Amino acid sequence: MSAISGYSWPGNIRELKNFVERCILLGRLPIETFVSGDTLSQNRETAQAEGRGYPSTWAMDEVEKHHILQVLSEFQGNKSAAARQLGISRKTLDRKLQAWDEAQGSES
């Protein structure tokens, strides 16, 4: 909170509005707003090395799939718990998993 209140918001209300929207979409504070470019690059490299970040070359559906599978793994395959953590319904999770299985089956 101190970083948010101490930030100068050079873009005024539009920048603040975009920041709040981004926070809602990401479900977290976007740290790049408050961190220098060099520090941010180091943080991204560390996050990717630890399996927490995603390459910027990935499409959004790849990021989504990787994230969902990672959360599912953290909950040892418990789909209901993973869906709750992800903020989606169990039915939505099942549909996504089924679609990925079907897509993978058609590639083989």
PDB file of N, CA and C in Angstrom:
ATOM      1  N   MET A   1       0.820  -1.196   0.000  1.00  0.00           N
ATOM      2  CA  MET A   1       0.000   0.000   0.000  1.00  0.00           C
ATOM      3  C   MET A   1       0.864   1.261   0.000  1.00  0.00           C
ATOM      4  N   SER A   2       2.018   1.194   0.679  1.00  0.00           N
ATOM      5  CA  SER A   2       2.868   2.385   0.703  1.00  0.00           C
ATOM      6  C   SER A   2       3.410   2.690  -0.692  1.00  0.00           C
ATOM      7  N   ALA A   3       3.693   1.643  -1.485  1.00  0.00           N
ATOM      8  CA  ALA A   3       4.175   1.865  -2.851  1.00  0.00           C
ATOM      9  C   ALA A   3       3.081   2.506  -3.700  1.00  0.00           C
ATOM     10  N   ILE A   4       1.844   2.073  -3.505  1.00  0.00           N
ATOM     11  CA  ILE A   4       0.727   2.637  -4.276  1.00  0.00           C
ATOM     12  C   ILE A   4       0.497   4.089  -3.903  1.00  0.00           C
ATOM     13  N   SER A   5       0.466   4.375  -2.611  1.00  0.00           N
ATOM     14  CA  SER A   5       0.196   5.756  -2.194  1.00  0.00           C
ATOM     15  C   SER A   5       1.394   6.670  -2.462  1.00  0.00           C
ATOM     16  N   GLY A   6       2.603   6.119  -2.511  1.00  0.00           N
ATOM     17  CA  GLY A   6       3.788   6.921  -2.776  1.00  0.00           C
ATOM     18  C   GLY A   6       4.083   7.120  -4.247  1.00  0.00           C
ATOM     19  N   TYR A   7       3.389   6.393  -5.113  1.00  0.00           N
ATOM     20  CA  TYR A   7       3.609   6.501  -6.554  1.00  0.00           C
ATOM     21  C   TYR A   7       3.013   7.819  -7.059  1.00  0.00           C
ATOM     22  N   SER A   8       3.668   8.475  -8.011  1.00  0.00           N
ATOM     23  CA  SER A   8       3.225   9.805  -8.459  1.00  0.00           C
ATOM     24  C   SER A   8       2.017   9.772  -9.400  1.00  0.00           C
ATOM     25  N   TRP A   9       1.705   8.647 -10.004  1.00  0.00           N
ATOM     26  CA  TRP A   9       0.591   8.491 -10.957  1.00  0.00           C
ATOM     27  C   TRP A   9       0.631   9.577 -12.021  1.00  0.00           C
ATOM     28  N   PRO A  10       1.708   9.589 -12.834  1.00  0.00           N
ATOM     29  CA  PRO A  10       1.847  10.636 -13.845  1.00  0.00           C
ATOM     30  C   PRO A  10       0.729  10.629 -14.891  1.00  0.00           C
ATOM     31  N   GLY A  11       0.060   9.506 -15.066  1.00  0.00           N
ATOM     32  CA  GLY A  11      -1.034   9.427 -16.031  1.00  0.00           C
ATOM     33  C   GLY A  11      -2.368   9.816 -15.435  1.00  0.00           C
ATOM     34  N   ASN A  12      -2.360  10.272 -14.184  1.00  0.00           N
ATOM     35  CA  ASN A  12      -3.552  10.709 -13.482  1.00  0.00           C
ATOM     36  C   ASN A  12      -4.581   9.605 -13.323  1.00  0.00           C
ATOM     37  N   ILE A  13      -5.843   9.948 -13.415  1.00  0.00           N
ATOM     38  CA  ILE A  13      -6.925   9.014 -13.105  1.00  0.00           C
ATOM     39  C   ILE A  13      -6.976   7.857 -14.105  1.00  0.00           C
ATOM     40  N   ARG A  14      -6.607   8.101 -15.367  1.00  0.00           N
ATOM     41  CA  ARG A  14      -6.618   7.017 -16.350  1.00  0.00           C
ATOM     42  C   ARG A  14      -5.612   5.937 -15.995  1.00  0.00           C
ATOM     43  N   GLU A  15      -4.439   6.350 -15.561  1.00  0.00           N
ATOM     44  CA  GLU A  15      -3.414   5.383 -15.170  1.00  0.00           C
ATOM     45  C   GLU A  15      -3.873   4.596 -13.942  1.00  0.00           C
ATOM     46  N   LEU A  16      -4.460   5.280 -12.984  1.00  0.00           N
ATOM     47  CA  LEU A  16      -4.955   4.611 -11.784  1.00  0.00           C
ATOM     48  C   LEU A  16      -6.063   3.623 -12.138  1.00  0.00           C
ATOM     49  N   LYS A  17      -6.973   4.029 -13.030  1.00  0.00           N
ATOM     50  CA  LYS A  17      -8.062   3.147 -13.470  1.00  0.00           C
ATOM     51  C   LYS A  17      -7.496   1.901 -14.152  1.00  0.00           C
ATOM     52  N   ASN A  18      -6.540   2.078 -15.054  1.00  0.00           N
ATOM     53  CA  ASN A  18      -5.913   0.943 -15.738  1.00  0.00           C
ATOM     54  C   ASN A  18      -5.194   0.036 -14.749  1.00  0.00           C
ATOM     55  N   PHE A  19      -4.549   0.639 -13.752  1.00  0.00           N
ATOM     56  CA  PHE A  19      -3.846  -0.132 -12.731  1.00  0.00           C
ATOM     57  C   PHE A  19      -4.826  -1.008 -11.956  1.00  0.00           C
ATOM     58  N   VAL A  20      -5.937  -0.440 -11.540  1.00  0.00           N
ATOM     59  CA  VAL A  20      -6.940  -1.197 -10.782  1.00  0.00           C
ATOM     60  C   VAL A  20      -7.508  -2.327 -11.638  1.00  0.00           C
ATOM     61  N   GLU A  21      -7.801  -2.050 -12.896  1.00  0.00           N
ATOM     62  CA  GLU A  21      -8.306  -3.097 -13.792  1.00  0.00           C
ATOM     63  C   GLU A  21      -7.298  -4.230 -13.946  1.00  0.00           C
ATOM     64  N   ARG A  22      -6.014  -3.865 -14.090  1.00  0.00           N
ATOM     65  CA  ARG A  22      -4.970  -4.878 -14.230  1.00  0.00           C
ATOM     66  C   ARG A  22      -4.856  -5.734 -12.963  1.00  0.00           C
ATOM     67  N   CYS A  23      -4.971  -5.088 -11.808  1.00  0.00           N
ATOM     68  CA  CYS A  23      -4.932  -5.825 -10.533  1.00  0.00           C
ATOM     69  C   CYS A  23      -6.064  -6.845 -10.472  1.00  0.00           C
ATOM     70  N   ILE A  24      -7.235  -6.422 -10.902  1.00  0.00           N
ATOM     71  CA  ILE A  24      -8.394  -7.315 -10.878  1.00  0.00           C
ATOM     72  C   ILE A  24      -8.176  -8.491 -11.826  1.00  0.00           C
ATOM     73  N   LEU A  25      -7.693  -8.215 -13.034  1.00  0.00           N
ATOM     74  CA  LEU A  25      -7.465  -9.279 -14.012  1.00  0.00           C
ATOM     75  C   LEU A  25      -6.374 -10.246 -13.574  1.00  0.00           C
ATOM     76  N   LEU A  26      -5.295  -9.714 -12.999  1.00  0.00           N
ATOM     77  CA  LEU A  26      -4.177 -10.555 -12.580  1.00  0.00           C
ATOM     78  C   LEU A  26      -4.426 -11.230 -11.239  1.00  0.00           C
ATOM     79  N   GLY A  27      -5.296 -10.635 -10.433  1.00  0.00           N
ATOM     80  CA  GLY A  27      -5.531 -11.158  -9.102  1.00  0.00           C
ATOM     81  C   GLY A  27      -4.397 -10.833  -8.145  1.00  0.00           C
ATOM     82  N   ARG A  28      -3.586  -9.857  -8.495  1.00  0.00           N
ATOM     83  CA  ARG A  28      -2.457  -9.440  -7.668  1.00  0.00           C
ATOM     84  C   ARG A  28      -2.014  -8.057  -8.108  1.00  0.00           C
ATOM     85  N   LEU A  29      -1.095  -7.462  -7.346  1.00  0.00           N
ATOM     86  CA  LEU A  29      -0.530  -6.181  -7.741  1.00  0.00           C
ATOM     87  C   LEU A  29       0.513  -6.400  -8.834  1.00  0.00           C
ATOM     88  N   PRO A  30       0.419  -5.695  -9.946  1.00  0.00           N
ATOM     89  CA  PRO A  30       1.453  -5.813 -10.983  1.00  0.00           C
ATOM     90  C   PRO A  30       2.703  -5.064 -10.546  1.00  0.00           C
ATOM     91  N   ILE A  31       3.687  -5.794 -10.113  1.00  0.00           N
ATOM     92  CA  ILE A  31       4.887  -5.206  -9.518  1.00  0.00           C
ATOM     93  C   ILE A  31       5.660  -4.325 -10.486  1.00  0.00           C
ATOM     94  N   GLU A  32       5.519  -4.548 -11.798  1.00  0.00           N
ATOM     95  CA  GLU A  32       6.294  -3.757 -12.752  1.00  0.00           C
ATOM     96  C   GLU A  32       5.958  -2.275 -12.678  1.00  0.00           C
ATOM     97  N   THR A  33       4.831  -1.924 -12.099  1.00  0.00           N
ATOM     98  CA  THR A  33       4.474  -0.519 -11.955  1.00  0.00           C
ATOM     99  C   THR A  33       5.428   0.203 -11.014  1.00  0.00           C
ATOM    100  N   PHE A  34       5.954  -0.510 -10.022  1.00  0.00           N
ATOM    101  CA  PHE A  34       6.735   0.115  -8.965  1.00  0.00           C
ATOM    102  C   PHE A  34       8.206  -0.272  -8.957  1.00  0.00           C
ATOM    103  N   VAL A  35       8.635  -1.090  -9.924  1.00  0.00           N
ATOM    104  CA  VAL A  35      10.004  -1.607  -9.914  1.00  0.00           C
ATOM    105  C   VAL A  35      10.716  -1.154 -11.176  1.00  0.00           C
ATOM    106  N   SER A  36      12.012  -0.884 -11.074  1.00  0.00           N
ATOM    107  CA  SER A  36      12.787  -0.461 -12.243  1.00  0.00           C
ATOM    108  C   SER A  36      12.893  -1.605 -13.251  1.00  0.00           C
ATOM    109  N   GLY A  37      13.211  -1.278 -14.478  1.00  0.00           N
ATOM    110  CA  GLY A  37      13.306  -2.276 -15.547  1.00  0.00           C
ATOM    111  C   GLY A  37      14.321  -3.358 -15.272  1.00  0.00           C
ATOM    112  N   ASP A  38      15.511  -2.994 -14.745  1.00  0.00           N
ATOM    113  CA  ASP A  38      16.548  -3.984 -14.451  1.00  0.00           C
ATOM    114  C   ASP A  38      16.102  -4.955 -13.372  1.00  0.00           C
ATOM    115  N   THR A  39      15.513  -4.414 -12.314  1.00  0.00           N
ATOM    116  CA  THR A  39      15.032  -5.269 -11.222  1.00  0.00           C
ATOM    117  C   THR A  39      13.918  -6.174 -11.718  1.00  0.00           C
ATOM    118  N   LEU A  40      13.035  -5.623 -12.552  1.00  0.00           N
ATOM    119  CA  LEU A  40      11.934  -6.415 -13.087  1.00  0.00           C
ATOM    120  C   LEU A  40      12.442  -7.559 -13.942  1.00  0.00           C
ATOM    121  N   SER A  41      13.446  -7.318 -14.782  1.00  0.00           N
ATOM    122  CA  SER A  41      14.026  -8.383 -15.604  1.00  0.00           C
ATOM    123  C   SER A  41      14.613  -9.484 -14.738  1.00  0.00           C
ATOM    124  N   GLN A  42      15.307  -9.100 -13.688  1.00  0.00           N
ATOM    125  CA  GLN A  42      15.868 -10.097 -12.769  1.00  0.00           C
ATOM    126  C   GLN A  42      14.764 -10.882 -12.084  1.00  0.00           C
ATOM    127  N   ASN A  43      13.689 -10.193 -11.669  1.00  0.00           N
ATOM    128  CA  ASN A  43      12.575 -10.877 -11.012  1.00  0.00           C
ATOM    129  C   ASN A  43      11.886 -11.852 -11.958  1.00  0.00           C
ATOM    130  N   ARG A  44      11.721 -11.463 -13.232  1.00  0.00           N
ATOM    131  CA  ARG A  44      11.092 -12.358 -14.204  1.00  0.00           C
ATOM    132  C   ARG A  44      11.952 -13.594 -14.452  1.00  0.00           C
ATOM    133  N   GLU A  45      13.269 -13.382 -14.588  1.00  0.00           N
ATOM    134  CA  GLU A  45      14.164 -14.527 -14.799  1.00  0.00           C
ATOM    135  C   GLU A  45      14.120 -15.475 -13.616  1.00  0.00           C
ATOM    136  N   THR A  46      14.112 -14.940 -12.409  1.00  0.00           N
ATOM    137  CA  THR A  46      14.025 -15.766 -11.204  1.00  0.00           C
ATOM    138  C   THR A  46      12.700 -16.513 -11.166  1.00  0.00           C
ATOM    139  N   ALA A  47      11.620 -15.819 -11.470  1.00  0.00           N
ATOM    140  CA  ALA A  47      10.297 -16.438 -11.447  1.00  0.00           C
ATOM    141  C   ALA A  47      10.217 -17.567 -12.469  1.00  0.00           C
ATOM    142  N   GLN A  48      10.751 -17.360 -13.668  1.00  0.00           N
ATOM    143  CA  GLN A  48      10.715 -18.406 -14.681  1.00  0.00           C
ATOM    144  C   GLN A  48      11.586 -19.582 -14.274  1.00  0.00           C
ATOM    145  N   ALA A  49      12.734 -19.319 -13.682  1.00  0.00           N
ATOM    146  CA  ALA A  49      13.613 -20.400 -13.238  1.00  0.00           C
ATOM    147  C   ALA A  49      12.944 -21.223 -12.140  1.00  0.00           C
ATOM    148  N   GLU A  50      12.120 -20.570 -11.328  1.00  0.00           N
ATOM    149  CA  GLU A  50      11.424 -21.274 -10.258  1.00  0.00           C
ATOM    150  C   GLU A  50      10.081 -21.832 -10.725  1.00  0.00           C
ATOM    151  N   GLY A  51       9.746 -21.673 -11.997  1.00  0.00           N
ATOM    152  CA  GLY A  51       8.490 -22.204 -12.517  1.00  0.00           C
ATOM    153  C   GLY A  51       7.285 -21.337 -12.206  1.00  0.00           C
ATOM    154  N   ARG A  52       7.499 -20.080 -11.821  1.00  0.00           N
ATOM    155  CA  ARG A  52       6.382 -19.212 -11.474  1.00  0.00           C
ATOM    156  C   ARG A  52       6.011 -18.244 -12.586  1.00  0.00           C
ATOM    157  N   GLY A  53       6.887 -18.021 -13.546  1.00  0.00           N
ATOM    158  CA  GLY A  53       6.602 -17.056 -14.591  1.00  0.00           C
ATOM    159  C   GLY A  53       6.341 -17.767 -15.909  1.00  0.00           C
ATOM    160  N   TYR A  54       5.932 -17.000 -16.886  1.00  0.00           N
ATOM    161  CA  TYR A  54       5.652 -17.563 -18.202  1.00  0.00           C
ATOM    162  C   TYR A  54       6.416 -16.764 -19.237  1.00  0.00           C
ATOM    163  N   PRO A  55       6.973 -17.425 -20.236  1.00  0.00           N
ATOM    164  CA  PRO A  55       7.678 -16.692 -21.292  1.00  0.00           C
ATOM    165  C   PRO A  55       6.729 -15.733 -21.999  1.00  0.00           C
ATOM    166  N   SER A  56       7.215 -14.578 -22.359  1.00  0.00           N
ATOM    167  CA  SER A  56       6.365 -13.585 -23.018  1.00  0.00           C
ATOM    168  C   SER A  56       5.966 -14.021 -24.421  1.00  0.00           C
ATOM    169  N   THR A  57       6.584 -15.080 -24.938  1.00  0.00           N
ATOM    170  CA  THR A  57       6.237 -15.567 -26.274  1.00  0.00           C
ATOM    171  C   THR A  57       5.026 -16.492 -26.256  1.00  0.00           C
ATOM    172  N   TRP A  58       4.582 -16.901 -25.054  1.00  0.00           N
ATOM    173  CA  TRP A  58       3.432 -17.805 -24.969  1.00  0.00           C
ATOM    174  C   TRP A  58       2.145 -17.052 -25.269  1.00  0.00           C
ATOM    175  N   ALA A  59       1.223 -17.739 -25.946  1.00  0.00           N
ATOM    176  CA  ALA A  59      -0.113 -17.193 -26.156  1.00  0.00           C
ATOM    177  C   ALA A  59      -0.889 -17.307 -24.846  1.00  0.00           C
ATOM    178  N   MET A  60      -1.949 -16.518 -24.706  1.00  0.00           N
ATOM    179  CA  MET A  60      -2.714 -16.498 -23.470  1.00  0.00           C
ATOM    180  C   MET A  60      -3.285 -17.876 -23.125  1.00  0.00           C
ATOM    181  N   ASP A  61      -3.714 -18.636 -24.145  1.00  0.00           N
ATOM    182  CA  ASP A  61      -4.273 -19.963 -23.852  1.00  0.00           C
ATOM    183  C   ASP A  61      -3.203 -20.913 -23.314  1.00  0.00           C
ATOM    184  N   GLU A  62      -1.951 -20.732 -23.729  1.00  0.00           N
ATOM    185  CA  GLU A  62      -0.863 -21.546 -23.183  1.00  0.00           C
ATOM    186  C   GLU A  62      -0.602 -21.190 -21.723  1.00  0.00           C
ATOM    187  N   VAL A  63      -0.639 -19.899 -21.417  1.00  0.00           N
ATOM    188  CA  VAL A  63      -0.445 -19.447 -20.043  1.00  0.00           C
ATOM    189  C   VAL A  63      -1.558 -19.997 -19.160  1.00  0.00           C
ATOM    190  N   GLU A  64      -2.797 -19.892 -19.651  1.00  0.00           N
ATOM    191  CA  GLU A  64      -3.948 -20.392 -18.901  1.00  0.00           C
ATOM    192  C   GLU A  64      -3.816 -21.885 -18.628  1.00  0.00           C
ATOM    193  N   LYS A  65      -3.486 -22.632 -19.653  1.00  0.00           N
ATOM    194  CA  LYS A  65      -3.362 -24.082 -19.501  1.00  0.00           C
ATOM    195  C   LYS A  65      -2.263 -24.436 -18.497  1.00  0.00           C
ATOM    196  N   HIS A  66      -1.111 -23.815 -18.637  1.00  0.00           N
ATOM    197  CA  HIS A  66       0.001 -24.092 -17.732  1.00  0.00           C
ATOM    198  C   HIS A  66      -0.386 -23.754 -16.293  1.00  0.00           C
ATOM    199  N   HIS A  67      -1.029 -22.609 -16.107  1.00  0.00           N
ATOM    200  CA  HIS A  67      -1.410 -22.175 -14.764  1.00  0.00           C
ATOM    201  C   HIS A  67      -2.433 -23.140 -14.152  1.00  0.00           C
ATOM    202  N   ILE A  68      -3.435 -23.501 -14.908  1.00  0.00           N
ATOM    203  CA  ILE A  68      -4.458 -24.410 -14.393  1.00  0.00           C
ATOM    204  C   ILE A  68      -3.844 -25.752 -14.036  1.00  0.00           C
ATOM    205  N   LEU A  69      -2.991 -26.286 -14.900  1.00  0.00           N
ATOM    206  CA  LEU A  69      -2.358 -27.571 -14.607  1.00  0.00           C
ATOM    207  C   LEU A  69      -1.436 -27.485 -13.398  1.00  0.00           C
ATOM    208  N   GLN A  70      -0.774 -26.335 -13.229  1.00  0.00           N
ATOM    209  CA  GLN A  70       0.092 -26.146 -12.067  1.00  0.00           C
ATOM    210  C   GLN A  70      -0.730 -26.117 -10.778  1.00  0.00           C
ATOM    211  N   VAL A  71      -1.850 -25.399 -10.787  1.00  0.00           N
ATOM    212  CA  VAL A  71      -2.717 -25.349  -9.604  1.00  0.00           C
ATOM    213  C   VAL A  71      -3.292 -26.725  -9.324  1.00  0.00           C
ATOM    214  N   LEU A  72      -3.714 -27.425 -10.360  1.00  0.00           N
ATOM    215  CA  LEU A  72      -4.249 -28.778 -10.195  1.00  0.00           C
ATOM    216  C   LEU A  72      -3.196 -29.694  -9.578  1.00  0.00           C
ATOM    217  N   SER A  73      -1.953 -29.552  -9.988  1.00  0.00           N
ATOM    218  CA  SER A  73      -0.862 -30.340  -9.428  1.00  0.00           C
ATOM    219  C   SER A  73      -0.641 -30.005  -7.951  1.00  0.00           C
ATOM    220  N   GLU A  74      -0.712 -28.715  -7.619  1.00  0.00           N
ATOM    221  CA  GLU A  74      -0.530 -28.287  -6.228  1.00  0.00           C
ATOM    222  C   GLU A  74      -1.594 -28.886  -5.313  1.00  0.00           C
ATOM    223  N   PHE A  75      -2.780 -29.156  -5.866  1.00  0.00           N
ATOM    224  CA  PHE A  75      -3.861 -29.748  -5.087  1.00  0.00           C
ATOM    225  C   PHE A  75      -3.948 -31.264  -5.319  1.00  0.00           C
ATOM    226  N   GLN A  76      -2.844 -31.864  -5.771  1.00  0.00           N
ATOM    227  CA  GLN A  76      -2.726 -33.309  -5.992  1.00  0.00           C
ATOM    228  C   GLN A  76      -3.896 -33.885  -6.797  1.00  0.00           C
ATOM    229  N   GLY A  77      -4.323 -33.141  -7.827  1.00  0.00           N
ATOM    230  CA  GLY A  77      -5.373 -33.616  -8.709  1.00  0.00           C
ATOM    231  C   GLY A  77      -6.785 -33.386  -8.202  1.00  0.00           C
ATOM    232  N   ASN A  78      -6.944 -32.761  -7.055  1.00  0.00           N
ATOM    233  CA  ASN A  78      -8.275 -32.477  -6.507  1.00  0.00           C
ATOM    234  C   ASN A  78      -8.896 -31.338  -7.315  1.00  0.00           C
ATOM    235  N   LYS A  79      -9.790 -31.696  -8.227  1.00  0.00           N
ATOM    236  CA  LYS A  79     -10.360 -30.720  -9.152  1.00  0.00           C
ATOM    237  C   LYS A  79     -11.233 -29.687  -8.459  1.00  0.00           C
ATOM    238  N   SER A  80     -11.995 -30.111  -7.467  1.00  0.00           N
ATOM    239  CA  SER A  80     -12.866 -29.160  -6.753  1.00  0.00           C
ATOM    240  C   SER A  80     -12.039 -28.099  -6.034  1.00  0.00           C
ATOM    241  N   ALA A  81     -10.990 -28.518  -5.346  1.00  0.00           N
ATOM    242  CA  ALA A  81     -10.132 -27.569  -4.623  1.00  0.00           C
ATOM    243  C   ALA A  81      -9.397 -26.658  -5.612  1.00  0.00           C
ATOM    244  N   ALA A  82      -8.923 -27.228  -6.716  1.00  0.00           N
ATOM    245  CA  ALA A  82      -8.217 -26.425  -7.722  1.00  0.00           C
ATOM    246  C   ALA A  82      -9.163 -25.394  -8.335  1.00  0.00           C
ATOM    247  N   ALA A  83     -10.384 -25.804  -8.645  1.00  0.00           N
ATOM    248  CA  ALA A  83     -11.368 -24.884  -9.229  1.00  0.00           C
ATOM    249  C   ALA A  83     -11.669 -23.741  -8.258  1.00  0.00           C
ATOM    250  N   ARG A  84     -11.813 -24.056  -6.979  1.00  0.00           N
ATOM    251  CA  ARG A  84     -12.044 -23.003  -5.982  1.00  0.00           C
ATOM    252  C   ARG A  84     -10.872 -22.022  -5.954  1.00  0.00           C
ATOM    253  N   GLN A  85      -9.650 -22.549  -5.959  1.00  0.00           N
ATOM    254  CA  GLN A  85      -8.462 -21.694  -5.938  1.00  0.00           C
ATOM    255  C   GLN A  85      -8.399 -20.812  -7.187  1.00  0.00           C
ATOM    256  N   LEU A  86      -8.790 -21.357  -8.329  1.00  0.00           N
ATOM    257  CA  LEU A  86      -8.745 -20.627  -9.590  1.00  0.00           C
ATOM    258  C   LEU A  86      -9.907 -19.643  -9.749  1.00  0.00           C
ATOM    259  N   GLY A  87     -10.938 -19.802  -8.920  1.00  0.00           N
ATOM    260  CA  GLY A  87     -12.093 -18.919  -9.020  1.00  0.00           C
ATOM    261  C   GLY A  87     -13.007 -19.269 -10.179  1.00  0.00           C
ATOM    262  N   ILE A  88     -13.011 -20.559 -10.557  1.00  0.00           N
ATOM    263  CA  ILE A  88     -13.895 -21.035 -11.618  1.00  0.00           C
ATOM    264  C   ILE A  88     -14.713 -22.202 -11.082  1.00  0.00           C
ATOM    265  N   SER A  89     -15.758 -22.568 -11.794  1.00  0.00           N
ATOM    266  CA  SER A  89     -16.567 -23.700 -11.354  1.00  0.00           C
ATOM    267  C   SER A  89     -15.867 -25.011 -11.701  1.00  0.00           C
ATOM    268  N   ARG A  90     -16.245 -26.045 -11.019  1.00  0.00           N
ATOM    269  CA  ARG A  90     -15.689 -27.374 -11.298  1.00  0.00           C
ATOM    270  C   ARG A  90     -16.049 -27.783 -12.723  1.00  0.00           C
ATOM    271  N   LYS A  91     -17.245 -27.431 -13.154  1.00  0.00           N
ATOM    272  CA  LYS A  91     -17.690 -27.765 -14.514  1.00  0.00           C
ATOM    273  C   LYS A  91     -16.814 -27.073 -15.565  1.00  0.00           C
ATOM    274  N   THR A  92     -16.471 -25.818 -15.327  1.00  0.00           N
ATOM    275  CA  THR A  92     -15.598 -25.087 -16.250  1.00  0.00           C
ATOM    276  C   THR A  92     -14.221 -25.743 -16.309  1.00  0.00           C
ATOM    277  N   LEU A  93     -13.694 -26.131 -15.146  1.00  0.00           N
ATOM    278  CA  LEU A  93     -12.401 -26.811 -15.110  1.00  0.00           C
ATOM    279  C   LEU A  93     -12.466 -28.117 -15.899  1.00  0.00           C
ATOM    280  N   ASP A  94     -13.515 -28.899 -15.687  1.00  0.00           N
ATOM    281  CA  ASP A  94     -13.665 -30.163 -16.429  1.00  0.00           C
ATOM    282  C   ASP A  94     -13.733 -29.925 -17.934  1.00  0.00           C
ATOM    283  N   ARG A  95     -14.462 -28.882 -18.345  1.00  0.00           N
ATOM    284  CA  ARG A  95     -14.586 -28.568 -19.782  1.00  0.00           C
ATOM    285  C   ARG A  95     -13.230 -28.203 -20.380  1.00  0.00           C
ATOM    286  N   LYS A  96     -12.463 -27.412 -19.662  1.00  0.00           N
ATOM    287  CA  LYS A  96     -11.141 -27.011 -20.156  1.00  0.00           C
ATOM    288  C   LYS A  96     -10.215 -28.221 -20.274  1.00  0.00           C
ATOM    289  N   LEU A  97     -10.202 -29.052 -19.246  1.00  0.00           N
ATOM    290  CA  LEU A  97      -9.354 -30.242 -19.266  1.00  0.00           C
ATOM    291  C   LEU A  97      -9.757 -31.181 -20.398  1.00  0.00           C
ATOM    292  N   GLN A  98     -11.052 -31.352 -20.599  1.00  0.00           N
ATOM    293  CA  GLN A  98     -11.543 -32.219 -21.673  1.00  0.00           C
ATOM    294  C   GLN A  98     -11.155 -31.651 -23.042  1.00  0.00           C
ATOM    295  N   ALA A  99     -11.289 -30.348 -23.214  1.00  0.00           N
ATOM    296  CA  ALA A  99     -10.935 -29.726 -24.498  1.00  0.00           C
ATOM    297  C   ALA A  99      -9.449 -29.913 -24.781  1.00  0.00           C
ATOM    298  N   TRP A 100      -8.606 -29.775 -23.760  1.00  0.00           N
ATOM    299  CA  TRP A 100      -7.169 -29.949 -23.959  1.00  0.00           C
ATOM    300  C   TRP A 100      -6.842 -31.400 -24.284  1.00  0.00           C
ATOM    301  N   ASP A 101      -7.535 -32.340 -23.635  1.00  0.00           N
ATOM    302  CA  ASP A 101      -7.320 -33.759 -23.936  1.00  0.00           C
ATOM    303  C   ASP A 101      -7.726 -34.081 -25.373  1.00  0.00           C
ATOM    304  N   GLU A 102      -8.871 -33.532 -25.798  1.00  0.00           N
ATOM    305  CA  GLU A 102      -9.339 -33.771 -27.171  1.00  0.00           C
ATOM    306  C   GLU A 102      -8.386 -33.152 -28.191  1.00  0.00           C
ATOM    307  N   ALA A 103      -7.907 -31.947 -27.911  1.00  0.00           N
ATOM    308  CA  ALA A 103      -6.971 -31.279 -28.825  1.00  0.00           C
ATOM    309  C   ALA A 103      -5.673 -32.059 -28.925  1.00  0.00           C
ATOM    310  N   GLN A 104      -5.210 -32.582 -27.810  1.00  0.00           N
ATOM    311  CA  GLN A 104      -3.974 -33.359 -27.809  1.00  0.00           C
ATOM    312  C   GLN A 104      -4.180 -34.692 -28.557  1.00  0.00           C
ATOM    313  N   GLY A 105      -5.357 -35.266 -28.412  1.00  0.00           N
ATOM    314  CA  GLY A 105      -5.665 -36.515 -29.111  1.00  0.00           C
ATOM    315  C   GLY A 105      -5.743 -36.333 -30.620  1.00  0.00           C
ATOM    316  N   SER A 106      -6.215 -35.187 -31.061  1.00  0.00           N
ATOM    317  CA  SER A 106      -6.313 -34.923 -32.495  1.00  0.00           C
ATOM    318  C   SER A 106      -4.955 -34.593 -33.109  1.00  0.00           C
ATOM    319  N   GLU A 107      -3.990 -34.165 -32.268  1.00  0.00           N
ATOM    320  CA  GLU A 107      -2.644 -33.865 -32.770  1.00  0.00           C
ATOM    321  C   GLU A 107      -1.837 -35.116 -33.007  1.00  0.00           C
ATOM    322  N   SER A 108      -2.178 -36.174 -32.308  1.00  0.00           N
ATOM    323  CA  SER A 108      -1.389 -37.422 -32.416  1.00  0.00           C
ATOM    324  C   SER A 108      -1.684 -38.184 -33.672  1.00  0.00           C
TER     325      SER A 108
END
